[in-house]
N, C-alpha and C. Protein backbone atom coordinates (compact mmCIF):
# COMPACT_ATOMS: atom_id res chain seq x y z
N TYR A 1 -128.76 -17.98 -39.19
CA TYR A 1 -129.75 -18.77 -40.79
C TYR A 1 -129.50 -19.85 -40.69
N GLU A 2 -129.80 -20.34 -40.01
CA GLU A 2 -130.48 -22.22 -40.06
C GLU A 2 -131.05 -22.47 -41.24
N HIS A 3 -131.85 -21.49 -42.32
CA HIS A 3 -132.49 -21.97 -43.33
C HIS A 3 -131.62 -22.17 -43.99
N THR A 4 -130.10 -21.75 -44.01
CA THR A 4 -129.71 -22.30 -45.20
C THR A 4 -128.67 -23.57 -45.21
N TYR A 5 -129.00 -24.29 -44.08
CA TYR A 5 -128.60 -25.28 -43.96
C TYR A 5 -129.66 -26.32 -44.45
N ASP A 6 -130.60 -26.33 -44.94
CA ASP A 6 -131.44 -27.05 -45.41
C ASP A 6 -132.40 -26.68 -46.54
N LEU A 7 -132.20 -27.50 -47.44
CA LEU A 7 -132.66 -27.11 -48.76
C LEU A 7 -134.38 -26.64 -49.08
N LYS A 8 -135.08 -27.77 -47.81
CA LYS A 8 -136.62 -27.40 -47.96
C LYS A 8 -136.56 -25.86 -47.16
N ASN A 9 -135.71 -26.06 -46.54
CA ASN A 9 -136.20 -24.63 -45.58
C ASN A 9 -135.68 -23.43 -46.33
N LEU A 10 -134.95 -23.55 -46.36
CA LEU A 10 -134.28 -22.95 -48.19
C LEU A 10 -135.49 -22.29 -49.20
N GLY A 11 -135.96 -23.59 -49.36
CA GLY A 11 -136.99 -22.96 -50.29
C GLY A 11 -138.29 -22.47 -49.87
N SER A 12 -138.76 -22.74 -48.43
CA SER A 12 -139.80 -22.15 -48.09
C SER A 12 -139.64 -20.39 -47.62
N VAL A 13 -138.60 -20.49 -47.32
CA VAL A 13 -138.23 -19.08 -46.38
C VAL A 13 -138.31 -17.78 -47.98
N TYR A 14 -137.36 -18.81 -49.25
CA TYR A 14 -137.87 -18.05 -50.61
C TYR A 14 -139.21 -17.95 -50.55
N ALA A 15 -139.75 -18.62 -50.51
CA ALA A 15 -140.98 -18.82 -51.07
C ALA A 15 -141.95 -17.65 -50.36
N ASP A 16 -141.65 -17.74 -49.14
CA ASP A 16 -142.70 -16.19 -48.06
C ASP A 16 -141.45 -15.20 -48.84
N HIS A 17 -140.54 -14.86 -48.90
CA HIS A 17 -139.98 -13.79 -49.87
C HIS A 17 -140.96 -13.38 -50.67
N GLN A 18 -140.87 -14.83 -51.46
CA GLN A 18 -141.49 -13.76 -52.87
C GLN A 18 -143.25 -13.89 -52.69
N GLU A 19 -143.70 -14.43 -52.17
CA GLU A 19 -144.89 -13.76 -51.38
C GLU A 19 -144.76 -12.54 -50.95
N LEU A 20 -144.19 -12.27 -50.29
CA LEU A 20 -144.14 -10.65 -49.44
C LEU A 20 -143.61 -9.69 -50.95
N MET A 21 -142.92 -9.95 -51.18
CA MET A 21 -142.56 -8.93 -52.29
C MET A 21 -143.74 -9.09 -53.71
N ALA A 22 -144.56 -9.91 -53.59
CA ALA A 22 -145.39 -9.35 -54.73
C ALA A 22 -146.63 -8.87 -54.08
N HIS A 23 -147.14 -9.09 -52.74
CA HIS A 23 -147.84 -7.68 -51.77
C HIS A 23 -147.38 -6.70 -51.91
N TRP A 24 -145.83 -6.09 -51.59
CA TRP A 24 -145.50 -4.92 -51.54
C TRP A 24 -145.20 -4.09 -52.93
N GLN A 25 -145.46 -5.30 -53.99
CA GLN A 25 -145.00 -5.01 -55.18
C GLN A 25 -147.09 -4.14 -56.03
N GLY A 26 -147.54 -5.15 -55.51
CA GLY A 26 -148.94 -4.59 -55.59
C GLY A 26 -149.34 -3.02 -54.65
N GLN A 27 -148.48 -2.83 -53.93
CA GLN A 27 -148.80 -2.10 -53.19
C GLN A 27 -148.34 -0.19 -53.38
N TYR A 28 -146.89 -1.02 -53.84
CA TYR A 28 -145.55 0.54 -54.81
C TYR A 28 -145.49 0.16 -55.82
N ARG A 29 -145.83 -0.49 -56.66
CA ARG A 29 -145.09 -1.03 -57.62
C ARG A 29 -144.32 0.28 -58.78
N ASP A 30 -144.62 0.68 -58.30
CA ASP A 30 -143.89 2.11 -58.79
C ASP A 30 -142.83 2.39 -58.40
N ARG A 31 -142.31 2.43 -56.77
CA ARG A 31 -141.50 2.42 -56.19
C ARG A 31 -140.68 1.50 -55.70
N ILE A 32 -141.00 0.59 -56.36
CA ILE A 32 -139.34 -1.00 -56.12
C ILE A 32 -138.98 -0.93 -57.48
N LEU A 33 -137.25 -0.96 -57.37
CA LEU A 33 -136.96 -1.41 -58.38
C LEU A 33 -136.39 -3.18 -58.63
N ASP A 34 -136.99 -4.12 -59.67
CA ASP A 34 -136.10 -5.17 -59.25
C ASP A 34 -135.00 -5.47 -60.01
N VAL A 35 -133.41 -5.59 -59.47
CA VAL A 35 -132.48 -5.73 -60.44
C VAL A 35 -132.24 -7.16 -60.51
N ARG A 36 -132.22 -8.28 -61.46
CA ARG A 36 -131.73 -9.29 -61.20
C ARG A 36 -130.19 -9.41 -61.25
N TYR A 37 -129.74 -10.46 -60.66
CA TYR A 37 -127.66 -10.57 -60.68
C TYR A 37 -127.51 -11.05 -62.15
N GLU A 38 -128.30 -11.62 -62.64
CA GLU A 38 -127.71 -12.04 -64.38
C GLU A 38 -127.66 -11.26 -65.04
N GLU A 39 -128.86 -10.00 -64.76
CA GLU A 39 -128.63 -8.69 -65.55
C GLU A 39 -127.51 -7.44 -65.67
N LEU A 40 -127.50 -7.84 -64.24
CA LEU A 40 -126.09 -6.93 -63.25
C LEU A 40 -125.18 -7.33 -64.16
N VAL A 41 -124.67 -8.57 -63.52
CA VAL A 41 -123.57 -8.88 -64.33
C VAL A 41 -123.22 -8.85 -65.86
N ARG A 42 -123.68 -9.46 -66.19
CA ARG A 42 -124.15 -9.17 -67.68
C ARG A 42 -123.89 -7.79 -68.30
N ASN A 43 -124.68 -6.85 -67.63
CA ASN A 43 -124.66 -4.97 -68.27
C ASN A 43 -125.33 -4.15 -66.88
N PRO A 44 -123.37 -3.92 -66.13
CA PRO A 44 -123.31 -2.97 -65.23
C PRO A 44 -123.64 -1.83 -65.53
N ALA A 45 -122.79 -1.04 -66.59
CA ALA A 45 -123.05 -0.11 -67.02
C ALA A 45 -125.20 0.12 -67.15
N GLY A 46 -125.20 -0.60 -68.07
CA GLY A 46 -126.61 -0.43 -67.97
C GLY A 46 -127.72 -0.09 -66.87
N VAL A 47 -127.79 -1.48 -66.43
CA VAL A 47 -128.14 -1.51 -64.76
C VAL A 47 -128.09 -0.57 -64.12
N GLY A 48 -126.88 -0.25 -63.57
CA GLY A 48 -126.46 0.90 -63.12
C GLY A 48 -126.92 2.06 -63.36
N ALA A 49 -127.25 2.49 -64.43
CA ALA A 49 -127.90 3.46 -65.72
C ALA A 49 -129.49 3.61 -65.33
N ARG A 50 -130.32 2.37 -64.91
CA ARG A 50 -131.43 2.21 -64.48
C ARG A 50 -131.12 2.30 -62.95
N ILE A 51 -130.41 2.00 -62.32
CA ILE A 51 -130.85 2.30 -60.87
C ILE A 51 -130.35 3.87 -60.41
N TYR A 52 -129.28 4.60 -61.13
CA TYR A 52 -129.61 5.50 -60.79
C TYR A 52 -130.74 6.77 -60.99
N GLU A 53 -131.34 6.71 -62.07
CA GLU A 53 -132.59 7.04 -62.98
C GLU A 53 -133.52 6.57 -62.08
N PHE A 54 -134.05 5.73 -61.49
CA PHE A 54 -134.96 5.04 -60.58
C PHE A 54 -134.87 6.05 -59.21
N CYS A 55 -133.61 6.39 -58.56
CA CYS A 55 -133.59 6.89 -57.46
C CYS A 55 -133.61 8.33 -58.08
N GLY A 56 -133.57 8.96 -59.13
CA GLY A 56 -133.54 10.65 -59.32
C GLY A 56 -131.89 10.98 -59.21
N LEU A 57 -131.30 10.11 -59.61
CA LEU A 57 -129.70 10.24 -59.64
C LEU A 57 -128.98 10.95 -60.67
N ALA A 58 -128.44 11.87 -61.13
CA ALA A 58 -127.49 11.89 -62.16
C ALA A 58 -126.55 10.59 -62.07
N TYR A 59 -126.56 10.03 -63.78
CA TYR A 59 -125.91 8.90 -63.82
C TYR A 59 -124.63 9.18 -63.83
N ASP A 60 -123.80 8.23 -62.88
CA ASP A 60 -122.15 8.72 -63.58
C ASP A 60 -121.67 7.40 -63.44
N PRO A 61 -120.56 7.26 -65.41
CA PRO A 61 -120.60 5.70 -65.55
C PRO A 61 -119.50 5.62 -64.46
N ALA A 62 -118.62 6.32 -63.86
CA ALA A 62 -117.61 6.23 -63.18
C ALA A 62 -117.64 5.90 -61.96
N ALA A 63 -119.27 5.73 -61.64
CA ALA A 63 -119.60 5.11 -60.41
C ALA A 63 -119.30 3.85 -59.76
N ILE A 64 -119.85 2.85 -61.11
CA ILE A 64 -119.63 2.16 -61.30
C ILE A 64 -118.43 1.00 -61.60
N ARG A 65 -118.04 0.65 -60.67
CA ARG A 65 -116.02 0.56 -60.68
C ARG A 65 -116.14 -1.44 -60.45
N ALA A 66 -116.98 -1.64 -59.69
CA ALA A 66 -116.91 -3.39 -59.38
C ALA A 66 -116.62 -4.23 -60.34
N SER A 67 -116.00 -4.96 -59.70
CA SER A 67 -115.92 -6.02 -61.14
C SER A 67 -116.62 -7.06 -60.92
N PHE A 68 -117.66 -7.35 -62.57
CA PHE A 68 -118.30 -8.82 -62.22
C PHE A 68 -117.82 -9.71 -63.51
N THR A 69 -118.28 -11.13 -62.91
CA THR A 69 -117.68 -11.95 -64.09
C THR A 69 -119.16 -12.70 -63.79
N THR A 70 -119.00 -13.25 -65.21
CA THR A 70 -120.44 -14.19 -65.99
C THR A 70 -119.95 -15.26 -65.86
N GLU A 71 -119.18 -16.12 -65.35
CA GLU A 71 -118.43 -17.42 -65.53
C GLU A 71 -119.48 -18.29 -64.56
N ARG A 72 -120.48 -17.44 -63.20
CA ARG A 72 -120.72 -18.47 -61.58
C ARG A 72 -122.68 -18.61 -62.13
N ILE A 73 -122.79 -17.67 -63.85
CA ILE A 73 -124.21 -17.72 -64.46
C ILE A 73 -124.76 -19.06 -64.73
N GLY A 74 -125.48 -19.66 -64.03
CA GLY A 74 -125.68 -21.18 -64.61
C GLY A 74 -124.84 -22.24 -64.02
N HIS A 75 -123.90 -22.02 -62.49
CA HIS A 75 -123.43 -23.16 -61.94
C HIS A 75 -123.86 -23.83 -61.27
N TRP A 76 -124.97 -23.28 -60.87
CA TRP A 76 -126.25 -24.65 -59.88
C TRP A 76 -126.36 -25.43 -61.10
N LYS A 77 -126.32 -25.40 -62.08
CA LYS A 77 -126.74 -26.70 -62.91
C LYS A 77 -125.48 -28.24 -62.48
N HIS A 78 -124.95 -27.96 -62.01
CA HIS A 78 -123.56 -28.29 -61.59
C HIS A 78 -124.19 -29.76 -60.63
N TYR A 79 -125.18 -28.70 -59.65
CA TYR A 79 -125.93 -29.82 -58.32
C TYR A 79 -127.31 -30.20 -58.74
N GLU A 80 -127.60 -29.64 -59.79
CA GLU A 80 -129.34 -30.05 -60.21
C GLU A 80 -129.35 -31.30 -59.82
N ALA A 81 -128.65 -32.65 -59.42
CA ALA A 81 -129.10 -33.83 -59.22
C ALA A 81 -129.32 -33.45 -57.60
N TYR A 82 -128.78 -32.96 -56.65
CA TYR A 82 -129.23 -32.55 -55.92
C TYR A 82 -130.62 -31.45 -54.78
N LEU A 83 -130.64 -31.04 -55.93
CA LEU A 83 -131.91 -30.23 -55.40
C LEU A 83 -133.16 -30.89 -55.93
N ASP A 84 -134.04 -31.67 -55.43
CA ASP A 84 -135.31 -32.23 -55.20
C ASP A 84 -136.07 -31.40 -54.17
N ALA A 85 -135.47 -31.45 -52.95
CA ALA A 85 -136.07 -30.46 -52.04
C ALA A 85 -136.33 -29.59 -52.16
N LEU A 86 -135.43 -28.45 -52.52
CA LEU A 86 -135.84 -27.41 -52.90
C LEU A 86 -136.28 -26.95 -54.06
N ARG A 87 -136.62 -28.05 -55.07
CA ARG A 87 -137.37 -27.03 -55.95
C ARG A 87 -139.32 -27.57 -55.78
N GLN A 88 -138.99 -28.63 -54.59
CA GLN A 88 -140.79 -29.34 -54.15
C GLN A 88 -141.03 -28.59 -53.16
N ALA A 89 -139.62 -27.84 -52.33
CA ALA A 89 -140.06 -26.71 -51.15
C ALA A 89 -140.83 -25.16 -52.13
N LEU A 90 -140.22 -25.13 -53.53
CA LEU A 90 -140.08 -23.95 -54.17
C LEU A 90 -141.50 -23.71 -54.62
N GLY A 91 -142.13 -25.07 -55.21
CA GLY A 91 -143.32 -25.33 -56.14
C GLY A 91 -143.57 -25.04 -57.09
N GLY A 92 -143.77 -24.06 -57.09
CA GLY A 92 -144.18 -23.36 -59.08
C GLY A 92 -143.37 -21.97 -58.91
N LEU A 93 -142.73 -22.04 -58.23
CA LEU A 93 -141.38 -20.54 -58.35
C LEU A 93 -140.27 -21.61 -58.93
N ALA A 94 -139.93 -22.75 -58.72
CA ALA A 94 -138.83 -23.72 -59.55
C ALA A 94 -138.28 -23.24 -60.86
N PRO A 95 -137.51 -23.41 -61.28
CA PRO A 95 -137.60 -23.72 -62.75
C PRO A 95 -137.98 -24.81 -63.57
C-alpha cells in the first residue's frame, strides 16, 4: 500500500475510487448501499437495520455487538495544517 505513505498519492487513489464508484452507482443505483462511517458509529442499530433490510434479511438487533465510539469523528482536524497535498490531490472532493 505505497499510496498510504504519500498524501498526494493517497488523494489520487481516493479520487480514482470515487470515480469508479460513481460509475457503478450509475449502473446499479438500487443495488449498492452507501454506509458512512460517522453514521454507523453514531447509530449502529439504525444503520444495521438498514443493511439487513437492503440485503433482504430479517433484522436481529442482537447481531450488532460491536462497540463503536464517536470520539474519533473529526479527529483529522488536529492534522489539518499538514493536509494541503491531500486537499490538492482531492480537488473538488475535499471538504
